[in-house]
Structure formats: structure tokens, C-alpha cells
PDB file of N, CA and C in Angstrom:
ATOM      1  N   MET A   1       8.811 -58.892 -24.647  1.00  0.00           N
ATOM      2  CA  MET A   1       9.902 -59.533 -24.587  1.00  0.00           C
ATOM      3  C   MET A   1      10.405 -60.365 -25.730  1.00  0.00           C
ATOM      4  N   ILE A   2      11.549 -60.432 -26.242  1.00  0.00           N
ATOM      5  CA  ILE A   2      12.101 -61.916 -27.219  1.00  0.00           C
ATOM      6  C   ILE A   2      12.545 -62.970 -26.519  1.00  0.00           C
ATOM      7  N   ARG A   3      11.735 -64.095 -26.849  1.00  0.00           N
ATOM      8  CA  ARG A   3      13.055 -65.403 -25.784  1.00  0.00           C
ATOM      9  C   ARG A   3      13.184 -65.972 -26.562  1.00  0.00           C
ATOM     10  N   LEU A   4      14.517 -66.154 -26.518  1.00  0.00           N
ATOM     11  CA  LEU A   4      14.839 -67.027 -27.656  1.00  0.00           C
ATOM     12  C   LEU A   4      16.248 -68.221 -26.724  1.00  0.00           C
ATOM     13  N   THR A   5      16.125 -69.194 -27.577  1.00  0.00           N
ATOM     14  CA  THR A   5      17.151 -70.033 -27.336  1.00  0.00           C
ATOM     15  C   THR A   5      18.671 -69.823 -27.625  1.00  0.00           C
ATOM     16  N   LEU A   6      19.601 -70.298 -27.211  1.00  0.00           N
ATOM     17  CA  LEU A   6      21.383 -70.052 -28.103  1.00  0.00           C
ATOM     18  C   LEU A   6      22.193 -71.078 -27.848  1.00  0.00           C
ATOM     19  N   TYR A   7      22.545 -71.856 -28.567  1.00  0.00           N
ATOM     20  CA  TYR A   7      22.889 -73.345 -28.628  1.00  0.00           C
ATOM     21  C   TYR A   7      24.294 -72.355 -28.981  1.00  0.00           C
ATOM     22  N   THR A   8      25.058 -72.956 -27.755  1.00  0.00           N
ATOM     23  CA  THR A   8      26.498 -72.336 -27.746  1.00  0.00           C
ATOM     24  C   THR A   8      27.179 -73.270 -26.792  1.00  0.00           C
ATOM     25  N   THR A   9      28.823 -73.282 -26.359  1.00  0.00           N
ATOM     26  CA  THR A   9      29.246 -73.545 -25.907  1.00  0.00           C
ATOM     27  C   THR A   9      30.335 -72.628 -25.147  1.00  0.00           C
ATOM     28  N   LEU A  10      31.342 -73.134 -24.012  1.00  0.00           N
ATOM     29  CA  LEU A  10      32.114 -72.180 -23.128  1.00  0.00           C
ATOM     30  C   LEU A  10      32.795 -71.817 -24.489  1.00  0.00           C
ATOM     31  N   GLY A  11      33.440 -70.513 -23.752  1.00  0.00           N
ATOM     32  CA  GLY A  11      34.481 -70.223 -25.301  1.00  0.00           C
ATOM     33  C   GLY A  11      34.119 -69.443 -26.519  1.00  0.00           C
ATOM     34  N   CYS A  12      33.019 -69.585 -26.923  1.00  0.00           N
ATOM     35  CA  CYS A  12      32.464 -69.544 -28.580  1.00  0.00           C
ATOM     36  C   CYS A  12      32.700 -67.753 -28.614  1.00  0.00           C
ATOM     37  N   HIS A  13      33.635 -67.298 -29.197  1.00  0.00           N
ATOM     38  CA  HIS A  13      33.788 -65.924 -29.737  1.00  0.00           C
ATOM     39  C   HIS A  13      32.587 -65.420 -30.978  1.00  0.00           C
ATOM     40  N   LEU A  14      32.358 -66.570 -31.920  1.00  0.00           N
ATOM     41  CA  LEU A  14      31.042 -66.161 -32.351  1.00  0.00           C
ATOM     42  C   LEU A  14      29.680 -65.999 -31.869  1.00  0.00           C
ATOM     43  N   CYS A  15      29.615 -66.606 -30.530  1.00  0.00           N
ATOM     44  CA  CYS A  15      28.184 -66.780 -29.885  1.00  0.00           C
ATOM     45  C   CYS A  15      28.838 -65.201 -29.241  1.00  0.00           C
ATOM     46  N   GLU A  16      29.589 -64.413 -29.040  1.00  0.00           N
ATOM     47  CA  GLU A  16      29.772 -63.877 -28.300  1.00  0.00           C
ATOM     48  C   GLU A  16      28.740 -62.338 -29.354  1.00  0.00           C
ATOM     49  N   ALA A  17      29.567 -62.693 -30.687  1.00  0.00           N
ATOM     50  CA  ALA A  17      29.482 -61.556 -31.617  1.00  0.00           C
ATOM     51  C   ALA A  17      27.924 -61.893 -32.401  1.00  0.00           C
ATOM     52  N   LEU A  18      27.328 -62.854 -32.020  1.00  0.00           N
ATOM     53  CA  LEU A  18      25.938 -63.122 -32.087  1.00  0.00           C
ATOM     54  C   LEU A  18      25.041 -62.425 -30.993  1.00  0.00           C
ATOM     55  N   GLU A  19      25.250 -62.630 -29.694  1.00  0.00           N
ATOM     56  CA  GLU A  19      25.007 -61.367 -28.976  1.00  0.00           C
ATOM     57  C   GLU A  19      24.655 -60.399 -28.838  1.00  0.00           C
ATOM     58  N   ALA A  20      26.425 -59.805 -29.256  1.00  0.00           N
ATOM     59  CA  ALA A  20      26.535 -58.365 -28.852  1.00  0.00           C
ATOM     60  C   ALA A  20      25.055 -57.894 -30.796  1.00  0.00           C
ATOM     61  N   TRP A  21      25.125 -58.104 -31.590  1.00  0.00           N
ATOM     62  CA  TRP A  21      24.055 -57.635 -32.311  1.00  0.00           C
ATOM     63  C   TRP A  21      23.230 -57.632 -32.324  1.00  0.00           C
ATOM     64  N   LEU A  22      22.339 -59.144 -32.040  1.00  0.00           N
ATOM     65  CA  LEU A  22      21.471 -58.840 -31.080  1.00  0.00           C
ATOM     66  C   LEU A  22      20.814 -57.938 -29.879  1.00  0.00           C
ATOM     67  N   GLY A  23      21.449 -57.892 -29.517  1.00  0.00           N
ATOM     68  CA  GLY A  23      21.374 -56.620 -27.934  1.00  0.00           C
ATOM     69  C   GLY A  23      21.410 -55.480 -28.830  1.00  0.00           C
ATOM     70  N   ARG A  24      22.029 -55.298 -29.812  1.00  0.00           N
ATOM     71  CA  ARG A  24      21.890 -53.578 -31.031  1.00  0.00           C
ATOM     72  C   ARG A  24      21.034 -54.010 -31.774  1.00  0.00           C
ATOM     73  N   LEU A  25      20.332 -54.991 -32.111  1.00  0.00           N
ATOM     74  CA  LEU A  25      19.010 -54.286 -33.580  1.00  0.00           C
ATOM     75  C   LEU A  25      17.779 -55.105 -33.299  1.00  0.00           C
ATOM     76  N   ALA A  26      17.695 -55.982 -31.929  1.00  0.00           N
ATOM     77  CA  ALA A  26      16.314 -56.653 -31.392  1.00  0.00           C
ATOM     78  C   ALA A  26      15.346 -54.804 -30.612  1.00  0.00           C
ATOM     79  N   SER A  27      14.828 -55.172 -31.056  1.00  0.00           N
ATOM     80  CA  SER A  27      13.448 -53.778 -30.871  1.00  0.00           C
ATOM     81  C   SER A  27      12.773 -53.925 -29.544  1.00  0.00           C
ATOM     82  N   ASP A  28      13.253 -55.417 -28.619  1.00  0.00           N
ATOM     83  CA  ASP A  28      12.974 -55.441 -27.690  1.00  0.00           C
ATOM     84  C   ASP A  28      13.261 -55.977 -26.920  1.00  0.00           C
ATOM     85  N   GLU A  29      13.525 -56.054 -25.330  1.00  0.00           N
ATOM     86  CA  GLU A  29      14.217 -56.974 -24.652  1.00  0.00           C
ATOM     87  C   GLU A  29      14.454 -57.893 -25.230  1.00  0.00           C
ATOM     88  N   VAL A  30      15.461 -58.563 -24.609  1.00  0.00           N
ATOM     89  CA  VAL A  30      15.917 -60.325 -24.895  1.00  0.00           C
ATOM     90  C   VAL A  30      16.427 -61.160 -24.286  1.00  0.00           C
ATOM     91  N   THR A  31      15.551 -62.002 -24.073  1.00  0.00           N
ATOM     92  CA  THR A  31      15.350 -63.519 -22.913  1.00  0.00           C
ATOM     93  C   THR A  31      16.723 -64.483 -23.791  1.00  0.00           C
ATOM     94  N   LEU A  32      17.685 -64.702 -23.379  1.00  0.00           N
ATOM     95  CA  LEU A  32      18.013 -65.763 -23.980  1.00  0.00           C
ATOM     96  C   LEU A  32      18.536 -66.923 -23.155  1.00  0.00           C
ATOM     97  N   GLU A  33      17.843 -68.111 -23.424  1.00  0.00           N
ATOM     98  CA  GLU A  33      18.258 -69.071 -22.431  1.00  0.00           C
ATOM     99  C   GLU A  33      19.501 -69.660 -23.354  1.00  0.00           C
ATOM    100  N   ARG A  34      20.794 -69.805 -22.731  1.00  0.00           N
ATOM    101  CA  ARG A  34      21.861 -70.352 -23.386  1.00  0.00           C
ATOM    102  C   ARG A  34      21.772 -71.685 -22.720  1.00  0.00           C
ATOM    103  N   VAL A  35      21.706 -73.018 -24.035  1.00  0.00           N
ATOM    104  CA  VAL A  35      22.203 -74.763 -24.022  1.00  0.00           C
ATOM    105  C   VAL A  35      23.531 -74.646 -24.224  1.00  0.00           C
ATOM    106  N   GLU A  36      23.747 -75.192 -23.306  1.00  0.00           N
ATOM    107  CA  GLU A  36      25.559 -75.291 -23.322  1.00  0.00           C
ATOM    108  C   GLU A  36      25.602 -76.870 -24.332  1.00  0.00           C
ATOM    109  N   ILE A  37      25.959 -77.019 -25.759  1.00  0.00           N
ATOM    110  CA  ILE A  37      25.917 -78.397 -25.758  1.00  0.00           C
ATOM    111  C   ILE A  37      26.863 -79.329 -25.852  1.00  0.00           C
ATOM    112  N   SER A  38      27.799 -78.990 -25.377  1.00  0.00           N
ATOM    113  CA  SER A  38      29.148 -80.138 -25.136  1.00  0.00           C
ATOM    114  C   SER A  38      28.430 -81.075 -23.626  1.00  0.00           C
ATOM    115  N   GLU A  39      27.768 -80.683 -23.086  1.00  0.00           N
ATOM    116  CA  GLU A  39      27.330 -81.602 -21.701  1.00  0.00           C
ATOM    117  C   GLU A  39      26.253 -82.396 -22.952  1.00  0.00           C
ATOM    118  N   ASP A  40      26.368 -82.686 -24.097  1.00  0.00           N
ATOM    119  CA  ASP A  40      25.059 -83.666 -24.439  1.00  0.00           C
ATOM    120  C   ASP A  40      25.186 -83.994 -25.583  1.00  0.00           C
ATOM    121  N   GLU A  41      25.563 -85.653 -26.173  1.00  0.00           N
ATOM    122  CA  GLU A  41      26.744 -86.056 -26.958  1.00  0.00           C
ATOM    123  C   GLU A  41      25.038 -85.735 -28.564  1.00  0.00           C
ATOM    124  N   ALA A  42      24.040 -85.608 -27.904  1.00  0.00           N
ATOM    125  CA  ALA A  42      22.983 -85.303 -28.933  1.00  0.00           C
ATOM    126  C   ALA A  42      23.105 -84.385 -29.349  1.00  0.00           C
ATOM    127  N   LEU A  43      23.079 -83.088 -28.667  1.00  0.00           N
ATOM    128  CA  LEU A  43      23.223 -81.585 -29.097  1.00  0.00           C
ATOM    129  C   LEU A  43      24.597 -81.494 -29.761  1.00  0.00           C
ATOM    130  N   ILE A  44      25.339 -82.262 -29.171  1.00  0.00           N
ATOM    131  CA  ILE A  44      26.658 -82.103 -30.226  1.00  0.00           C
ATOM    132  C   ILE A  44      27.228 -82.617 -31.487  1.00  0.00           C
ATOM    133  N   ALA A  45      25.921 -83.783 -32.268  1.00  0.00           N
ATOM    134  CA  ALA A  45      25.687 -84.310 -33.072  1.00  0.00           C
ATOM    135  C   ALA A  45      25.099 -82.797 -34.063  1.00  0.00           C
ATOM    136  N   ARG A  46      24.260 -82.177 -33.305  1.00  0.00           N
ATOM    137  CA  ARG A  46      23.262 -81.797 -34.095  1.00  0.00           C
ATOM    138  C   ARG A  46      23.825 -80.472 -34.204  1.00  0.00           C
ATOM    139  N   TYR A  47      24.227 -79.376 -33.135  1.00  0.00           N
ATOM    140  CA  TYR A  47      24.971 -78.385 -33.337  1.00  0.00           C
ATOM    141  C   TYR A  47      26.507 -78.389 -33.195  1.00  0.00           C
ATOM    142  N   GLY A  48      27.180 -79.129 -33.359  1.00  0.00           N
ATOM    143  CA  GLY A  48      28.464 -79.239 -33.176  1.00  0.00           C
ATOM    144  C   GLY A  48      29.461 -78.087 -34.037  1.00  0.00           C
ATOM    145  N   VAL A  49      28.800 -78.392 -35.554  1.00  0.00           N
ATOM    146  CA  VAL A  49      29.685 -78.091 -36.125  1.00  0.00           C
ATOM    147  C   VAL A  49      28.467 -76.214 -37.012  1.00  0.00           C
ATOM    148  N   ARG A  50      27.526 -76.241 -35.845  1.00  0.00           N
ATOM    149  CA  ARG A  50      26.695 -75.387 -36.768  1.00  0.00           C
ATOM    150  C   ARG A  50      26.526 -73.918 -35.447  1.00  0.00           C
ATOM    151  N   ILE A  51      27.111 -74.357 -34.231  1.00  0.00           N
ATOM    152  CA  ILE A  51      26.538 -72.960 -33.249  1.00  0.00           C
ATOM    153  C   ILE A  51      27.647 -71.809 -33.342  1.00  0.00           C
ATOM    154  N   PRO A  52      27.000 -70.445 -33.362  1.00  0.00           N
ATOM    155  CA  PRO A  52      26.080 -70.394 -32.629  1.00  0.00           C
ATOM    156  C   PRO A  52      24.447 -70.651 -33.493  1.00  0.00           C
ATOM    157  N   VAL A  53      23.788 -70.911 -32.773  1.00  0.00           N
ATOM    158  CA  VAL A  53      22.614 -71.078 -33.130  1.00  0.00           C
ATOM    159  C   VAL A  53      21.558 -70.849 -32.310  1.00  0.00           C
ATOM    160  N   LEU A  54      20.500 -69.740 -32.712  1.00  0.00           N
ATOM    161  CA  LEU A  54      19.664 -69.199 -32.526  1.00  0.00           C
ATOM    162  C   LEU A  54      18.089 -70.174 -32.343  1.00  0.00           C
ATOM    163  N   ARG A  55      16.800 -70.430 -31.908  1.00  0.00           N
ATOM    164  CA  ARG A  55      15.804 -70.712 -32.161  1.00  0.00           C
ATOM    165  C   ARG A  55      14.694 -70.048 -31.010  1.00  0.00           C
ATOM    166  N   ASP A  56      13.536 -69.712 -31.914  1.00  0.00           N
ATOM    167  CA  ASP A  56      12.896 -69.559 -31.174  1.00  0.00           C
ATOM    168  C   ASP A  56      11.399 -70.001 -31.004  1.00  0.00           C
ATOM    169  N   ALA A  57      11.066 -69.776 -30.502  1.00  0.00           N
ATOM    170  CA  ALA A  57       9.770 -70.237 -29.712  1.00  0.00           C
ATOM    171  C   ALA A  57       8.813 -71.434 -30.888  1.00  0.00           C
ATOM    172  N   GLU A  58       9.156 -71.156 -31.971  1.00  0.00           N
ATOM    173  CA  GLU A  58       7.522 -72.095 -33.202  1.00  0.00           C
ATOM    174  C   GLU A  58       9.277 -73.015 -33.123  1.00  0.00           C
ATOM    175  N   GLY A  59      10.368 -72.986 -33.412  1.00  0.00           N
ATOM    176  CA  GLY A  59      11.280 -73.799 -33.381  1.00  0.00           C
ATOM    177  C   GLY A  59      12.439 -73.242 -34.609  1.00  0.00           C
ATOM    178  N   SER A  60      12.106 -72.365 -35.036  1.00  0.00           N
ATOM    179  CA  SER A  60      12.945 -71.932 -36.395  1.00  0.00           C
ATOM    180  C   SER A  60      14.174 -71.466 -35.362  1.00  0.00           C
ATOM    181  N   GLU A  61      15.153 -72.144 -36.600  1.00  0.00           N
ATOM    182  CA  GLU A  61      16.382 -71.790 -36.067  1.00  0.00           C
ATOM    183  C   GLU A  61      17.291 -70.668 -37.088  1.00  0.00           C
ATOM    184  N   LEU A  62      18.007 -70.499 -36.805  1.00  0.00           N
ATOM    185  CA  LEU A  62      18.499 -69.235 -37.139  1.00  0.00           C
ATOM    186  C   LEU A  62      20.511 -69.865 -37.424  1.00  0.00           C
ATOM    187  N   GLU A  63      21.464 -69.920 -38.240  1.00  0.00           N
ATOM    188  CA  GLU A  63      22.811 -70.063 -38.351  1.00  0.00           C
ATOM    189  C   GLU A  63      23.413 -69.341 -38.405  1.00  0.00           C
ATOM    190  N   ARG A  64      24.700 -68.603 -38.324  1.00  0.00           N
ATOM    191  CA  ARG A  64      25.455 -67.456 -39.030  1.00  0.00           C
ATOM    192  C   ARG A  64      24.434 -66.470 -38.390  1.00  0.00           C
ATOM    193  N   GLY A  65      24.198 -65.809 -37.030  1.00  0.00           N
ATOM    194  CA  GLY A  65      23.527 -64.969 -36.589  1.00  0.00           C
ATOM    195  C   GLY A  65      24.381 -63.754 -36.447  1.00  0.00           C
ATOM    196  N   PHE A  66      25.956 -64.206 -36.415  1.00  0.00           N
ATOM    197  CA  PHE A  66      27.189 -63.346 -36.334  1.00  0.00           C
ATOM    198  C   PHE A  66      26.917 -62.506 -37.349  1.00  0.00           C
ATOM    199  N   GLU A  67      26.607 -62.780 -38.547  1.00  0.00           N
ATOM    200  CA  GLU A  67      26.427 -62.281 -39.612  1.00  0.00           C
ATOM    201  C   GLU A  67      25.152 -60.824 -39.608  1.00  0.00           C
ATOM    202  N   PRO A  68      25.292 -59.308 -39.726  1.00  0.00           N
ATOM    203  CA  PRO A  68      24.457 -58.628 -38.979  1.00  0.00           C
ATOM    204  C   PRO A  68      23.053 -58.939 -40.108  1.00  0.00           C
ATOM    205  N   ALA A  69      23.186 -58.890 -41.543  1.00  0.00           N
ATOM    206  CA  ALA A  69      22.425 -59.063 -41.939  1.00  0.00           C
ATOM    207  C   ALA A  69      21.229 -60.258 -42.178  1.00  0.00           C
ATOM    208  N   ARG A  70      22.125 -61.349 -41.857  1.00  0.00           N
ATOM    209  CA  ARG A  70      21.266 -62.608 -41.773  1.00  0.00           C
ATOM    210  C   ARG A  70      20.295 -62.363 -40.465  1.00  0.00           C
ATOM    211  N   LEU A  71      20.899 -61.913 -39.184  1.00  0.00           N
ATOM    212  CA  LEU A  71      20.170 -61.565 -38.203  1.00  0.00           C
ATOM    213  C   LEU A  71      19.300 -60.460 -38.537  1.00  0.00           C
ATOM    214  N   ALA A  72      19.317 -59.598 -38.882  1.00  0.00           N
ATOM    215  CA  ALA A  72      18.480 -58.209 -39.302  1.00  0.00           C
ATOM    216  C   ALA A  72      17.349 -59.352 -39.948  1.00  0.00           C
ATOM    217  N   ASP A  73      17.560 -60.234 -41.192  1.00  0.00           N
ATOM    218  CA  ASP A  73      16.534 -60.839 -41.753  1.00  0.00           C
ATOM    219  C   ASP A  73      15.580 -61.276 -40.978  1.00  0.00           C
ATOM    220  N   TRP A  74      16.491 -62.390 -39.970  1.00  0.00           N
ATOM    221  CA  TRP A  74      15.591 -63.433 -39.463  1.00  0.00           C
ATOM    222  C   TRP A  74      14.754 -62.792 -38.078  1.00  0.00           C
ATOM    223  N   LEU A  75      14.879 -61.510 -37.640  1.00  0.00           N
ATOM    224  CA  LEU A  75      14.317 -60.592 -36.888  1.00  0.00           C
ATOM    225  C   LEU A  75      13.549 -59.947 -37.406  1.00  0.00           C
ATOM    226  N   ALA A  76      13.567 -59.431 -38.741  1.00  0.00           N
ATOM    227  CA  ALA A  76      12.645 -58.350 -39.402  1.00  0.00           C
ATOM    228  C   ALA A  76      11.672 -59.234 -39.612  1.00  0.00           C
ATOM    229  N   ALA A  77      12.219 -60.743 -40.289  1.00  0.00           N
ATOM    230  CA  ALA A  77      10.592 -61.744 -40.325  1.00  0.00           C
ATOM    231  C   ALA A  77       9.664 -62.003 -38.889  1.00  0.00           C
ATOM    232  N   ARG A  78      10.084 -61.900 -38.191  1.00  0.00           N
ATOM    233  CA  ARG A  78       9.209 -61.891 -37.056  1.00  0.00           C
ATOM    234  C   ARG A  78       8.746 -60.798 -36.010  1.00  0.00           C
ATOM    235  N   GLY A  79       9.149 -59.630 -36.962  1.00  0.00           N
ATOM    236  CA  GLY A  79       8.575 -58.337 -36.303  1.00  0.00           C
ATOM    237  C   GLY A  79       9.545 -57.854 -35.198  1.00  0.00           C
ATOM    238  N   TRP A  80      10.749 -58.408 -34.962  1.00  0.00           N
ATOM    239  CA  TRP A  80      11.419 -57.890 -34.236  1.00  0.00           C
ATOM    240  C   TRP A  80      12.865 -57.147 -34.516  1.00  0.00           C
ATOM    241  N   LEU A  81      12.800 -56.642 -35.865  1.00  0.00           N
ATOM    242  CA  LEU A  81      13.951 -55.735 -35.922  1.00  0.00           C
ATOM    243  C   LEU A  81      13.671 -54.147 -35.397  1.00  0.00           C
ATOM    244  N   ASP A  82      14.645 -53.430 -35.209  1.00  0.00           N
ATOM    245  CA  ASP A  82      14.869 -52.111 -34.797  1.00  0.00           C
ATOM    246  C   ASP A  82      15.322 -51.691 -36.093  1.00  0.00           C
ATOM    247  N   GLU A  83      14.579 -51.114 -36.858  1.00  0.00           N
ATOM    248  CA  GLU A  83      14.595 -50.800 -38.114  1.00  0.00           C
ATOM    249  C   GLU A  83      15.648 -49.649 -38.121  1.00  0.00           C
ATOM    250  N   ALA A  84      15.164 -48.612 -36.870  1.00  0.00           N
ATOM    251  CA  ALA A  84      16.280 -47.375 -36.823  1.00  0.00           C
ATOM    252  C   ALA A  84      18.091 -47.571 -36.361  1.00  0.00           C
ATOM    253  N   ALA A  85      17.784 -48.712 -35.943  1.00  0.00           N
ATOM    254  CA  ALA A  85      19.813 -49.341 -35.630  1.00  0.00           C
ATOM    255  C   ALA A  85      19.911 -50.144 -37.140  1.00  0.00           C
ATOM    256  N   TRP A  86      19.064 -50.836 -37.492  1.00  0.00           N
ATOM    257  CA  TRP A  86      19.640 -51.656 -38.358  1.00  0.00           C
ATOM    258  C   TRP A  86      20.341 -50.650 -40.001  1.00  0.00           C
ATOM    259  N   ARG A  87      19.515 -49.476 -39.581  1.00  0.00           N
ATOM    260  CA  ARG A  87      19.606 -48.480 -40.793  1.00  0.00           C
ATOM    261  C   ARG A  87      21.042 -47.965 -40.673  1.00  0.00           C
ATOM    262  N   GLU A  88      21.351 -47.465 -39.031  1.00  0.00           N
ATOM    263  CA  GLU A  88      22.652 -46.612 -38.634  1.00  0.00           C
ATOM    264  C   GLU A  88      24.013 -48.065 -39.029  1.00  0.00           C
ATOM    265  N   VAL A  89      23.546 -49.285 -39.109  1.00  0.00           N
ATOM    266  CA  VAL A  89      24.240 -49.931 -38.880  1.00  0.00           C
ATOM    267  C   VAL A  89      24.849 -49.859 -40.419  1.00  0.00           C
ATOM    268  N   ARG A  90      23.742 -50.017 -41.736  1.00  0.00           N
ATOM    269  CA  ARG A  90      24.185 -50.154 -42.973  1.00  0.00           C
ATOM    270  C   ARG A  90      24.378 -49.072 -43.478  1.00  0.00           C
ATOM    271  N   GLU A  91      23.962 -47.667 -43.016  1.00  0.00           N
ATOM    272  CA  GLU A  91      24.476 -46.343 -43.412  1.00  0.00           C
ATOM    273  C   GLU A  91      25.820 -46.085 -42.849  1.00  0.00           C
ATOM    274  N   GLY A  92      26.140 -46.679 -41.572  1.00  0.00           N
ATOM    275  CA  GLY A  92      27.306 -46.132 -41.194  1.00  0.00           C
ATOM    276  C   GLY A  92      29.248 -47.399 -41.172  1.00  0.00           C
ATOM    277  N   GLY A  93      28.261 -48.105 -41.967  1.00  0.00           N
ATOM    278  CA  GLY A  93      29.680 -48.790 -42.342  1.00  0.00           C
ATOM    279  C   GLY A  93      30.051 -49.599 -41.239  1.00  0.00           C
ATOM    280  N   GLU A  94      29.452 -49.920 -39.616  1.00  0.00           N
ATOM    281  CA  GLU A  94      30.178 -49.748 -38.912  1.00  0.00           C
ATOM    282  C   GLU A  94      31.015 -51.456 -38.585  1.00  0.00           C
ATOM    283  N   ALA A  95      31.491 -52.099 -37.938  1.00  0.00           N
ATOM    284  CA  ALA A  95      32.161 -53.635 -37.819  1.00  0.00           C
ATOM    285  C   ALA A  95      31.402 -54.119 -37.014  1.00  0.00           C
ATOM    286  N   GLY A  96      30.630 -53.293 -35.918  1.00  0.00           N
ATOM    287  CA  GLY A  96      29.977 -54.267 -35.023  1.00  0.00           C
ATOM    288  C   GLY A  96      29.988 -53.538 -33.725  1.00  0.00           C
ATOM    289  N   PRO A  97      29.281 -53.999 -33.338  1.00  0.00           N
ATOM    290  CA  PRO A  97      29.009 -53.261 -31.871  1.00  0.00           C
ATOM    291  C   PRO A  97      30.276 -54.297 -30.834  1.00  0.00           C
ATOM    292  N   GLU A  98      30.163 -53.956 -29.765  1.00  0.00           N
ATOM    293  CA  GLU A  98      30.842 -54.322 -28.472  1.00  0.00           C
ATOM    294  C   GLU A  98      30.195 -55.533 -28.236  1.00  0.00           C
ATOM    295  N   PRO A  99      30.363 -56.272 -27.738  1.00  0.00           N
ATOM    296  CA  PRO A  99      29.977 -57.252 -26.882  1.00  0.00           C
ATOM    297  C   PRO A  99      29.487 -56.330 -25.596  1.00  0.00           C
ATOM    298  N   ARG A 100      27.946 -56.322 -25.351  1.00  0.00           N
ATOM    299  CA  ARG A 100      27.430 -55.955 -23.750  1.00  0.00           C
ATOM    300  C   ARG A 100      27.376 -56.883 -22.986  1.00  0.00           C
ATOM    301  N   GLY A 101      27.308 -56.473 -21.703  1.00  0.00           N
ATOM    302  CA  GLY A 101      26.954 -57.306 -20.710  1.00  0.00           C
ATOM    303  C   GLY A 101      26.231 -58.095 -20.895  1.00  0.00           C
ATOM    304  N   ALA A 102      25.932 -58.823 -19.763  1.00  0.00           N
ATOM    305  CA  ALA A 102      24.701 -59.897 -19.564  1.00  0.00           C
ATOM    306  C   ALA A 102      24.215 -59.997 -18.709  1.00  0.00           C
ATOM    307  N   GLU A 103      23.497 -60.359 -17.956  1.00  0.00           N
ATOM    308  CA  GLU A 103      22.740 -60.467 -16.468  1.00  0.00           C
ATOM    309  C   GLU A 103      22.411 -62.174 -16.264  1.00  0.00           C
ATOM    310  N   ILE A 104      22.448 -62.451 -15.492  1.00  0.00           N
ATOM    311  CA  ILE A 104      22.128 -64.242 -15.686  1.00  0.00           C
ATOM    312  C   ILE A 104      20.963 -64.450 -14.387  1.00  0.00           C
ATOM    313  N   ARG A 105      19.976 -64.448 -14.620  1.00  0.00           N
ATOM    314  CA  ARG A 105      18.806 -64.602 -13.878  1.00  0.00           C
ATOM    315  C   ARG A 105      17.744 -65.879 -13.719  1.00  0.00           C
ATOM    316  N   GLY A 106      18.066 -66.599 -13.002  1.00  0.00           N
ATOM    317  CA  GLY A 106      16.557 -67.735 -12.957  1.00  0.00           C
ATOM    318  C   GLY A 106      17.586 -68.710 -14.242  1.00  0.00           C
ATOM    319  N   GLY A 107      18.501 -69.136 -14.289  1.00  0.00           N
ATOM    320  CA  GLY A 107      19.077 -69.521 -15.185  1.00  0.00           C
ATOM    321  C   GLY A 107      18.671 -69.105 -16.762  1.00  0.00           C
ATOM    322  N   ARG A 108      18.297 -68.083 -16.618  1.00  0.00           N
ATOM    323  CA  ARG A 108      18.412 -67.342 -18.499  1.00  0.00           C
ATOM    324  C   ARG A 108      19.007 -66.127 -18.141  1.00  0.00           C
ATOM    325  N   ARG A 109      19.844 -65.976 -19.622  1.00  0.00           N
ATOM    326  CA  ARG A 109      20.216 -64.536 -19.888  1.00  0.00           C
ATOM    327  C   ARG A 109      19.910 -63.909 -20.653  1.00  0.00           C
ATOM    328  N   TYR A 110      19.556 -62.665 -19.802  1.00  0.00           N
ATOM    329  CA  TYR A 110      19.148 -61.028 -20.109  1.00  0.00           C
ATOM    330  C   TYR A 110      20.470 -60.348 -20.662  1.00  0.00           C
ATOM    331  N   LEU A 111      20.250 -59.922 -22.323  1.00  0.00           N
ATOM    332  CA  LEU A 111      21.495 -58.899 -22.749  1.00  0.00           C
ATOM    333  C   LEU A 111      20.683 -57.434 -22.268  1.00  0.00           C
ATOM    334  N   GLY A 112      21.961 -56.681 -22.220  1.00  0.00           N
ATOM    335  CA  GLY A 112      22.118 -55.500 -21.885  1.00  0.00           C
ATOM    336  C   GLY A 112      20.823 -54.909 -20.705  1.00  0.00           C
TER     337      GLY A 112
END
């Protein structure tokens, strides 16, 4: 299972795009802990113009993960990229996956 933190805010369409790509390209089930930045001044100062930002357990952050190539590179560097799915995307020239439903359990968001 891949555990990530997503810094986001309500109604962030880029965050939805990132989640859709993550659900498509990740090689394992993804657990997202969503952090609402609007409720904390320090988070707004740090992430306000950068969201969506993904963060792994080691503290490495990814900005603009809604861009498939950036997300694929970031996932691949961690061994989390579904190479077959990424190949399909590149060969098919797809515009992007439809956002998949997510389920919140215990304060964490689970994709698809």
C-alpha cells in the first residue's frame, strides 16, 4: 500500500485531476491523507499557490502532479509506477482518466 499526504483545499479541480492520475498510474493501492490547507495560516503560506502537493513518508514533495509525466517520474523514482498503465497512456495519447470515486475511512482517503 502506498501512503501519501495530499495538501489540498475544497473545490480544487487540479487536486481531482491528480487523484485521477494517481489512481491510474500507481502500481499499488493508494492511501491519501488529505490536509485542508485553508484551516491553517502556516499551511496557506507554504502551499497556497502550490496545491496540489503530494508528500511521501520521507517528506519528498511533488508539485504539479496533475501533469502525468511529472507524476509518472515521481512514482517511478519510488518504485510505485504501473509501467503498463503509463505505456498505455503514452501510446494512446489519452487526455486523462475520469476521476474515480474515493472512500474516506478513519480520516484517510482511499482511491478506487
